[in-house]
Amino acid sequence: MSFIGNVINSFFCWVFIAIDTVFWGTISISSIVYSPGGRAAHFCMRAWSASILRFCRIRVSVEGIENIAHDRVQIFASNHSSHFDIFIVNKVLPVKFGWVAKAILFKVPFMGWHMKLNGYISIDRGHREKAIKSMDAAAEKVRNGSRIMIFPEGTRSRTRELLPFKKGLFHLCVRTGVPIVPIYIDGAYEILKPGSPFIHPSSVTVRIGPEIPTAGHSAEKLDLIMNELRGRIVGLHDEIKRDRV
């Protein structure tokens, strides 16, 4: 695609994302009246994500969907290389879940309001005490039956490479004893590269691996879980690459 083509395509994509966010965000916020359990809001989240991916011509294929349990709680953990990872995960996971996300996202109009109303967990890493309270809140939600999605790197990779994992998120897993499901998103980096406003049509593969048990682990063995999850996510990446050869 030429430079002019990129400019025109990206302009219309950003306009659509803004309008779509207002549309589905408004429905989601109003659904607290007639669907206080969050079922309608979750539908809005998936529809919002799917429509944006469709308009921006992002084709998503998913493998390993059988590793998602419909009858019990799991914690989902994925690599993070693009803002579009949020849309992709929302679209492919077939169960209701909430996000553990950076505090700044909760300030985004409509999207942030939706997140607050649906009890998503805000993490302010600039304040240790607030971060600890956030993990306490997340652990309570998981113990009460809520599925949670995390990016263990804590922030978006600006090089496509997997960043070091943040240990704080793994305290959540140890404290709840809920298994972690590793996920690798391949191809999202090319959609919207760091520092660029251009949105590129792309094909993305999401591979979901078998869950990793955490029950019985103590905080002293946190590194074991971190290393195993990292190894599993890297392994999913390697599997995708091998399958393409």
C-alpha atoms as a PDB file:
ATOM      1  CA  MET A   1       0.000   0.000   0.000  1.00  0.00           C
ATOM      2  CA  SER A   2       1.330   3.459  -0.947  1.00  0.00           C
ATOM      3  CA  PHE A   3       1.932   6.236   1.574  1.00  0.00           C
ATOM      4  CA  ILE A   4      -1.235   8.058   0.461  1.00  0.00           C
ATOM      5  CA  GLY A   5      -3.142   4.798   0.701  1.00  0.00           C
ATOM      6  CA  ASN A   6      -1.860   4.290   4.248  1.00  0.00           C
ATOM      7  CA  VAL A   7      -2.938   7.786   5.234  1.00  0.00           C
ATOM      8  CA  ILE A   8      -6.454   7.385   3.819  1.00  0.00           C
ATOM      9  CA  ASN A   9      -6.926   3.875   5.207  1.00  0.00           C
ATOM     10  CA  SER A  10      -5.675   4.847   8.668  1.00  0.00           C
ATOM     11  CA  PHE A  11      -7.816   7.995   8.766  1.00  0.00           C
ATOM     12  CA  PHE A  12     -11.015   6.063   8.131  1.00  0.00           C
ATOM     13  CA  CYS A  13      -9.973   3.322  10.569  1.00  0.00           C
ATOM     14  CA  TRP A  14      -9.409   5.852  13.375  1.00  0.00           C
ATOM     15  CA  VAL A  15     -12.705   7.591  12.624  1.00  0.00           C
ATOM     16  CA  PHE A  16     -14.511   4.255  12.720  1.00  0.00           C
ATOM     17  CA  ILE A  17     -12.796   3.230  15.976  1.00  0.00           C
ATOM     18  CA  ALA A  18     -13.904   6.489  17.616  1.00  0.00           C
ATOM     19  CA  ILE A  19     -17.515   6.191  16.442  1.00  0.00           C
ATOM     20  CA  ASP A  20     -17.684   2.473  17.226  1.00  0.00           C
ATOM     21  CA  THR A  21     -16.303   3.040  20.726  1.00  0.00           C
ATOM     22  CA  VAL A  22     -18.943   5.687  21.449  1.00  0.00           C
ATOM     23  CA  PHE A  23     -21.717   3.476  20.018  1.00  0.00           C
ATOM     24  CA  TRP A  24     -20.926   0.251  21.868  1.00  0.00           C
ATOM     25  CA  GLY A  25     -19.689   2.093  24.945  1.00  0.00           C
ATOM     26  CA  THR A  26     -23.024   3.880  25.284  1.00  0.00           C
ATOM     27  CA  ILE A  27     -24.966   0.616  24.989  1.00  0.00           C
ATOM     28  CA  SER A  28     -22.627  -1.065  27.466  1.00  0.00           C
ATOM     29  CA  ILE A  29     -22.952   1.708  30.030  1.00  0.00           C
ATOM     30  CA  SER A  30     -26.750   1.769  29.756  1.00  0.00           C
ATOM     31  CA  SER A  31     -26.919  -2.032  30.098  1.00  0.00           C
ATOM     32  CA  ILE A  32     -26.138  -1.718  33.819  1.00  0.00           C
ATOM     33  CA  VAL A  33     -29.871  -0.987  34.196  1.00  0.00           C
ATOM     34  CA  TYR A  34     -31.258  -4.094  32.472  1.00  0.00           C
ATOM     35  CA  SER A  35     -28.269  -6.453  32.708  1.00  0.00           C
ATOM     36  CA  PRO A  36     -26.488  -5.724  36.005  1.00  0.00           C
ATOM     37  CA  GLY A  37     -24.648  -9.049  35.846  1.00  0.00           C
ATOM     38  CA  GLY A  38     -22.602  -7.770  32.922  1.00  0.00           C
ATOM     39  CA  ARG A  39     -23.747 -10.235  30.256  1.00  0.00           C
ATOM     40  CA  ALA A  40     -24.928  -7.490  27.889  1.00  0.00           C
ATOM     41  CA  ALA A  41     -21.810  -5.417  28.555  1.00  0.00           C
ATOM     42  CA  HIS A  42     -19.614  -8.387  27.686  1.00  0.00           C
ATOM     43  CA  PHE A  43     -21.557  -8.858  24.449  1.00  0.00           C
ATOM     44  CA  CYS A  44     -20.925  -5.178  23.660  1.00  0.00           C
ATOM     45  CA  MET A  45     -17.205  -5.624  24.327  1.00  0.00           C
ATOM     46  CA  ARG A  46     -16.986  -8.544  21.893  1.00  0.00           C
ATOM     47  CA  ALA A  47     -19.114  -6.833  19.244  1.00  0.00           C
ATOM     48  CA  TRP A  48     -17.051  -3.634  19.569  1.00  0.00           C
ATOM     49  CA  SER A  49     -13.815  -5.558  19.093  1.00  0.00           C
ATOM     50  CA  ALA A  50     -15.070  -7.737  16.234  1.00  0.00           C
ATOM     51  CA  SER A  51     -16.462  -4.764  14.283  1.00  0.00           C
ATOM     52  CA  ILE A  52     -13.197  -2.810  14.612  1.00  0.00           C
ATOM     53  CA  LEU A  53     -11.127  -5.778  13.448  1.00  0.00           C
ATOM     54  CA  ARG A  54     -13.478  -6.335  10.518  1.00  0.00           C
ATOM     55  CA  PHE A  55     -13.431  -2.690   9.431  1.00  0.00           C
ATOM     56  CA  CYS A  56      -9.629  -2.470   9.710  1.00  0.00           C
ATOM     57  CA  ARG A  57      -9.322  -5.717   7.733  1.00  0.00           C
ATOM     58  CA  ILE A  58      -7.594  -7.672  10.482  1.00  0.00           C
ATOM     59  CA  ARG A  59      -8.106 -11.389   9.882  1.00  0.00           C
ATOM     60  CA  VAL A  60      -7.840 -13.472  13.046  1.00  0.00           C
ATOM     61  CA  SER A  61      -7.478 -17.250  13.268  1.00  0.00           C
ATOM     62  CA  VAL A  62      -7.436 -19.054  16.600  1.00  0.00           C
ATOM     63  CA  GLU A  63      -5.949 -22.421  17.543  1.00  0.00           C
ATOM     64  CA  GLY A  64      -6.297 -24.362  20.789  1.00  0.00           C
ATOM     65  CA  ILE A  65      -9.701 -22.972  21.724  1.00  0.00           C
ATOM     66  CA  GLU A  66     -10.446 -26.313  23.399  1.00  0.00           C
ATOM     67  CA  ASN A  67      -8.080 -25.270  26.218  1.00  0.00           C
ATOM     68  CA  ILE A  68     -10.615 -22.673  27.390  1.00  0.00           C
ATOM     69  CA  ALA A  69     -12.812 -24.124  30.150  1.00  0.00           C
ATOM     70  CA  HIS A  70     -16.468 -23.062  30.167  1.00  0.00           C
ATOM     71  CA  ASP A  71     -17.307 -24.631  33.519  1.00  0.00           C
ATOM     72  CA  ARG A  72     -14.580 -23.245  35.807  1.00  0.00           C
ATOM     73  CA  VAL A  73     -12.362 -20.237  36.407  1.00  0.00           C
ATOM     74  CA  GLN A  74      -9.056 -19.674  34.619  1.00  0.00           C
ATOM     75  CA  ILE A  75      -6.623 -16.770  34.391  1.00  0.00           C
ATOM     76  CA  PHE A  76      -5.595 -15.904  30.823  1.00  0.00           C
ATOM     77  CA  ALA A  77      -2.089 -14.589  30.103  1.00  0.00           C
ATOM     78  CA  SER A  78      -0.837 -13.341  26.737  1.00  0.00           C
ATOM     79  CA  ASN A  79       2.109 -11.594  25.146  1.00  0.00           C
ATOM     80  CA  HIS A  80       1.483  -7.918  24.353  1.00  0.00           C
ATOM     81  CA  SER A  81       2.938  -6.223  21.261  1.00  0.00           C
ATOM     82  CA  SER A  82       0.079  -4.049  19.993  1.00  0.00           C
ATOM     83  CA  HIS A  83      -2.862  -1.938  21.135  1.00  0.00           C
ATOM     84  CA  PHE A  84      -4.916  -4.239  18.896  1.00  0.00           C
ATOM     85  CA  ASP A  85      -4.195  -7.164  21.240  1.00  0.00           C
ATOM     86  CA  ILE A  86      -7.167  -5.996  23.314  1.00  0.00           C
ATOM     87  CA  PHE A  87      -9.565  -6.244  20.357  1.00  0.00           C
ATOM     88  CA  ILE A  88      -8.102  -9.603  19.336  1.00  0.00           C
ATOM     89  CA  VAL A  89      -8.416 -11.216  22.773  1.00  0.00           C
ATOM     90  CA  ASN A  90     -11.934  -9.832  23.227  1.00  0.00           C
ATOM     91  CA  LYS A  91     -12.963 -11.426  19.957  1.00  0.00           C
ATOM     92  CA  VAL A  92     -11.425 -14.886  20.338  1.00  0.00           C
ATOM     93  CA  LEU A  93     -12.067 -15.803  23.986  1.00  0.00           C
ATOM     94  CA  PRO A  94     -15.518 -17.460  24.117  1.00  0.00           C
ATOM     95  CA  VAL A  95     -16.118 -16.903  27.852  1.00  0.00           C
ATOM     96  CA  LYS A  96     -16.934 -13.862  29.975  1.00  0.00           C
ATOM     97  CA  PHE A  97     -13.843 -12.334  31.568  1.00  0.00           C
ATOM     98  CA  GLY A  98     -12.490  -9.083  32.955  1.00  0.00           C
ATOM     99  CA  TRP A  99      -9.223  -7.240  32.445  1.00  0.00           C
ATOM    100  CA  VAL A 100      -6.361  -6.305  34.723  1.00  0.00           C
ATOM    101  CA  ALA A 101      -5.269  -3.126  32.963  1.00  0.00           C
ATOM    102  CA  LYS A 102      -3.176  -0.003  33.358  1.00  0.00           C
ATOM    103  CA  ALA A 103      -4.916   2.806  35.219  1.00  0.00           C
ATOM    104  CA  ILE A 104      -4.593   5.183  32.255  1.00  0.00           C
ATOM    105  CA  LEU A 105      -6.973   3.044  30.163  1.00  0.00           C
ATOM    106  CA  PHE A 106      -9.764   3.711  32.653  1.00  0.00           C
ATOM    107  CA  LYS A 107      -9.564   7.399  31.721  1.00  0.00           C
ATOM    108  CA  VAL A 108     -10.480   6.760  28.076  1.00  0.00           C
ATOM    109  CA  PRO A 109     -14.068   7.972  27.463  1.00  0.00           C
ATOM    110  CA  PHE A 110     -16.679   5.225  26.964  1.00  0.00           C
ATOM    111  CA  MET A 111     -14.126   2.384  27.025  1.00  0.00           C
ATOM    112  CA  GLY A 112     -12.869   3.400  30.472  1.00  0.00           C
ATOM    113  CA  TRP A 113     -16.420   3.956  31.716  1.00  0.00           C
ATOM    114  CA  HIS A 114     -17.351   0.468  30.519  1.00  0.00           C
ATOM    115  CA  MET A 115     -14.338  -0.976  32.339  1.00  0.00           C
ATOM    116  CA  LYS A 116     -15.185   0.756  35.621  1.00  0.00           C
ATOM    117  CA  LEU A 117     -18.851  -0.258  35.545  1.00  0.00           C
ATOM    118  CA  ASN A 118     -17.926  -3.882  34.897  1.00  0.00           C
ATOM    119  CA  GLY A 119     -15.437  -4.103  37.730  1.00  0.00           C
ATOM    120  CA  TYR A 120     -12.210  -4.452  35.748  1.00  0.00           C
ATOM    121  CA  ILE A 121      -9.052  -4.095  37.818  1.00  0.00           C
ATOM    122  CA  SER A 122      -7.016  -0.890  37.525  1.00  0.00           C
ATOM    123  CA  ILE A 123      -3.268  -1.180  38.154  1.00  0.00           C
ATOM    124  CA  ASP A 124      -1.308   1.954  39.063  1.00  0.00           C
ATOM    125  CA  ARG A 125       2.306   0.781  39.032  1.00  0.00           C
ATOM    126  CA  GLY A 126       3.522   4.218  40.018  1.00  0.00           C
ATOM    127  CA  HIS A 127       2.048   3.710  43.499  1.00  0.00           C
ATOM    128  CA  ARG A 128       3.018   0.514  45.274  1.00  0.00           C
ATOM    129  CA  GLU A 129       0.204   0.628  47.838  1.00  0.00           C
ATOM    130  CA  LYS A 130      -2.443   1.179  45.165  1.00  0.00           C
ATOM    131  CA  ALA A 131      -0.997  -1.657  43.109  1.00  0.00           C
ATOM    132  CA  ILE A 132      -1.166  -4.021  46.099  1.00  0.00           C
ATOM    133  CA  LYS A 133      -4.788  -3.037  46.761  1.00  0.00           C
ATOM    134  CA  SER A 134      -5.585  -3.680  43.106  1.00  0.00           C
ATOM    135  CA  MET A 135      -4.136  -7.187  43.342  1.00  0.00           C
ATOM    136  CA  ASP A 136      -6.173  -7.805  46.483  1.00  0.00           C
ATOM    137  CA  ALA A 137      -9.311  -6.758  44.615  1.00  0.00           C
ATOM    138  CA  ALA A 138      -8.418  -8.951  41.644  1.00  0.00           C
ATOM    139  CA  ALA A 139      -7.784 -11.978  43.873  1.00  0.00           C
ATOM    140  CA  GLU A 140     -11.170 -11.509  45.537  1.00  0.00           C
ATOM    141  CA  LYS A 141     -12.920 -11.395  42.159  1.00  0.00           C
ATOM    142  CA  VAL A 142     -11.180 -14.549  40.986  1.00  0.00           C
ATOM    143  CA  ARG A 143     -12.056 -16.387  44.206  1.00  0.00           C
ATOM    144  CA  ASN A 144     -15.669 -15.341  43.629  1.00  0.00           C
ATOM    145  CA  GLY A 145     -15.679 -16.938  40.173  1.00  0.00           C
ATOM    146  CA  SER A 146     -14.497 -14.211  37.790  1.00  0.00           C
ATOM    147  CA  ARG A 147     -12.090 -14.973  34.969  1.00  0.00           C
ATOM    148  CA  ILE A 148      -9.266 -12.475  34.517  1.00  0.00           C
ATOM    149  CA  MET A 149      -7.072 -11.551  31.535  1.00  0.00           C
ATOM    150  CA  ILE A 150      -3.526 -10.275  32.138  1.00  0.00           C
ATOM    151  CA  PHE A 151      -0.521  -9.182  30.096  1.00  0.00           C
ATOM    152  CA  PRO A 152       2.347 -10.490  32.289  1.00  0.00           C
ATOM    153  CA  GLU A 153       4.848  -8.162  30.583  1.00  0.00           C
ATOM    154  CA  GLY A 154       2.907  -5.311  32.151  1.00  0.00           C
ATOM    155  CA  THR A 155       3.249  -3.078  29.097  1.00  0.00           C
ATOM    156  CA  ARG A 156       3.343  -3.268  25.322  1.00  0.00           C
ATOM    157  CA  SER A 157       6.580  -4.483  23.745  1.00  0.00           C
ATOM    158  CA  ARG A 158       8.005  -1.902  21.375  1.00  0.00           C
ATOM    159  CA  THR A 159      10.353  -4.373  19.671  1.00  0.00           C
ATOM    160  CA  ARG A 160       8.075  -7.402  19.136  1.00  0.00           C
ATOM    161  CA  GLU A 161      10.293  -9.348  21.572  1.00  0.00           C
ATOM    162  CA  LEU A 162       8.820 -10.731  24.793  1.00  0.00           C
ATOM    163  CA  LEU A 163       9.609  -8.406  27.714  1.00  0.00           C
ATOM    164  CA  PRO A 164      10.474  -9.511  31.284  1.00  0.00           C
ATOM    165  CA  PHE A 165       7.394 -10.493  33.283  1.00  0.00           C
ATOM    166  CA  LYS A 166       6.112  -8.400  36.187  1.00  0.00           C
ATOM    167  CA  LYS A 167       6.146 -10.467  39.366  1.00  0.00           C
ATOM    168  CA  GLY A 168       3.173  -8.713  40.968  1.00  0.00           C
ATOM    169  CA  LEU A 169       0.655 -10.292  38.623  1.00  0.00           C
ATOM    170  CA  PHE A 170       1.854 -13.761  39.583  1.00  0.00           C
ATOM    171  CA  HIS A 171       1.033 -13.152  43.236  1.00  0.00           C
ATOM    172  CA  LEU A 172      -2.564 -13.098  42.004  1.00  0.00           C
ATOM    173  CA  CYS A 173      -2.188 -16.624  40.606  1.00  0.00           C
ATOM    174  CA  VAL A 174      -0.518 -18.008  43.726  1.00  0.00           C
ATOM    175  CA  ARG A 175      -3.069 -16.449  46.072  1.00  0.00           C
ATOM    176  CA  THR A 176      -6.039 -17.869  44.188  1.00  0.00           C
ATOM    177  CA  GLY A 177      -4.655 -21.236  43.047  1.00  0.00           C
ATOM    178  CA  VAL A 178      -6.420 -20.761  39.706  1.00  0.00           C
ATOM    179  CA  PRO A 179      -4.698 -22.248  36.632  1.00  0.00           C
ATOM    180  CA  ILE A 180      -3.140 -19.941  34.030  1.00  0.00           C
ATOM    181  CA  VAL A 181      -3.835 -20.370  30.322  1.00  0.00           C
ATOM    182  CA  PRO A 182      -0.889 -19.236  28.113  1.00  0.00           C
ATOM    183  CA  ILE A 183      -1.759 -17.383  24.894  1.00  0.00           C
ATOM    184  CA  TYR A 184       0.450 -16.163  22.068  1.00  0.00           C
ATOM    185  CA  ILE A 185      -0.714 -13.520  19.581  1.00  0.00           C
ATOM    186  CA  ASP A 186       1.307 -13.580  16.366  1.00  0.00           C
ATOM    187  CA  GLY A 187       1.127 -10.804  13.763  1.00  0.00           C
ATOM    188  CA  ALA A 188      -0.425  -8.002  15.816  1.00  0.00           C
ATOM    189  CA  TYR A 189       2.788  -5.959  15.952  1.00  0.00           C
ATOM    190  CA  GLU A 190       2.510  -5.174  12.241  1.00  0.00           C
ATOM    191  CA  ILE A 191      -0.990  -3.699  12.571  1.00  0.00           C
ATOM    192  CA  LEU A 192       0.001  -0.562  14.486  1.00  0.00           C
ATOM    193  CA  LYS A 193       3.702  -0.196  15.142  1.00  0.00           C
ATOM    194  CA  PRO A 194       4.934   1.866  18.117  1.00  0.00           C
ATOM    195  CA  GLY A 195       5.248   5.542  17.279  1.00  0.00           C
ATOM    196  CA  SER A 196       3.266   5.215  14.047  1.00  0.00           C
ATOM    197  CA  PRO A 197      -0.336   6.365  13.431  1.00  0.00           C
ATOM    198  CA  PHE A 198      -0.777   4.017  10.468  1.00  0.00           C
ATOM    199  CA  ILE A 199      -3.080   1.003  10.780  1.00  0.00           C
ATOM    200  CA  HIS A 200      -2.207  -1.817   8.390  1.00  0.00           C
ATOM    201  CA  PRO A 201      -4.457  -4.697   7.309  1.00  0.00           C
ATOM    202  CA  SER A 202      -2.939  -7.899   8.640  1.00  0.00           C
ATOM    203  CA  SER A 203      -3.448 -11.570   9.413  1.00  0.00           C
ATOM    204  CA  VAL A 204      -3.131 -12.620  13.048  1.00  0.00           C
ATOM    205  CA  THR A 205      -2.836 -16.060  14.583  1.00  0.00           C
ATOM    206  CA  VAL A 206      -3.790 -16.677  18.201  1.00  0.00           C
ATOM    207  CA  ARG A 207      -2.587 -19.935  19.731  1.00  0.00           C
ATOM    208  CA  ILE A 208      -3.930 -21.007  23.130  1.00  0.00           C
ATOM    209  CA  GLY A 209      -1.986 -23.585  25.127  1.00  0.00           C
ATOM    210  CA  PRO A 210      -2.982 -26.037  27.873  1.00  0.00           C
ATOM    211  CA  GLU A 211      -3.437 -24.514  31.317  1.00  0.00           C
ATOM    212  CA  ILE A 212      -0.683 -24.371  33.929  1.00  0.00           C
ATOM    213  CA  PRO A 213      -1.756 -25.444  37.450  1.00  0.00           C
ATOM    214  CA  THR A 214      -0.892 -23.031  40.276  1.00  0.00           C
ATOM    215  CA  ALA A 215      -2.650 -24.707  43.204  1.00  0.00           C
ATOM    216  CA  GLY A 216      -0.276 -25.554  46.032  1.00  0.00           C
ATOM    217  CA  HIS A 217       2.433 -23.111  44.974  1.00  0.00           C
ATOM    218  CA  SER A 218       3.708 -20.613  47.520  1.00  0.00           C
ATOM    219  CA  ALA A 219       5.019 -17.072  47.027  1.00  0.00           C
ATOM    220  CA  GLU A 220       8.542 -18.473  47.489  1.00  0.00           C
ATOM    221  CA  LYS A 221       8.085 -20.489  44.274  1.00  0.00           C
ATOM    222  CA  LEU A 222       6.807 -17.571  42.227  1.00  0.00           C
ATOM    223  CA  ASP A 223       9.758 -17.723  39.847  1.00  0.00           C
ATOM    224  CA  LEU A 224       8.881 -21.303  38.906  1.00  0.00           C
ATOM    225  CA  ILE A 225       5.435 -20.277  37.690  1.00  0.00           C
ATOM    226  CA  MET A 226       6.814 -17.210  35.901  1.00  0.00           C
ATOM    227  CA  ASN A 227       9.466 -19.247  34.117  1.00  0.00           C
ATOM    228  CA  GLU A 228       7.026 -21.987  33.148  1.00  0.00           C
ATOM    229  CA  LEU A 229       4.511 -19.508  31.748  1.00  0.00           C
ATOM    230  CA  ARG A 230       7.218 -17.682  29.832  1.00  0.00           C
ATOM    231  CA  GLY A 231       8.491 -20.966  28.429  1.00  0.00           C
ATOM    232  CA  ARG A 232       4.985 -21.979  27.391  1.00  0.00           C
ATOM    233  CA  ILE A 233       4.317 -18.664  25.637  1.00  0.00           C
ATOM    234  CA  VAL A 234       7.666 -18.830  23.818  1.00  0.00           C
ATOM    235  CA  GLY A 235       6.827 -22.420  22.897  1.00  0.00           C
ATOM    236  CA  LEU A 236       3.504 -21.337  21.345  1.00  0.00           C
ATOM    237  CA  HIS A 237       5.389 -18.747  19.291  1.00  0.00           C
ATOM    238  CA  ASP A 238       7.849 -21.406  18.100  1.00  0.00           C
ATOM    239  CA  GLU A 239       4.994 -23.770  17.184  1.00  0.00           C
ATOM    240  CA  ILE A 240       3.378 -21.114  14.992  1.00  0.00           C
ATOM    241  CA  LYS A 241       6.684 -20.458  13.223  1.00  0.00           C
ATOM    242  CA  ARG A 242       7.292 -24.189  12.646  1.00  0.00           C
ATOM    243  CA  ASP A 243       3.800 -24.667  11.232  1.00  0.00           C
ATOM    244  CA  ARG A 244       4.490 -21.977   8.620  1.00  0.00           C
ATOM    245  CA  VAL A 245       7.625 -23.626   7.302  1.00  0.00           C
END
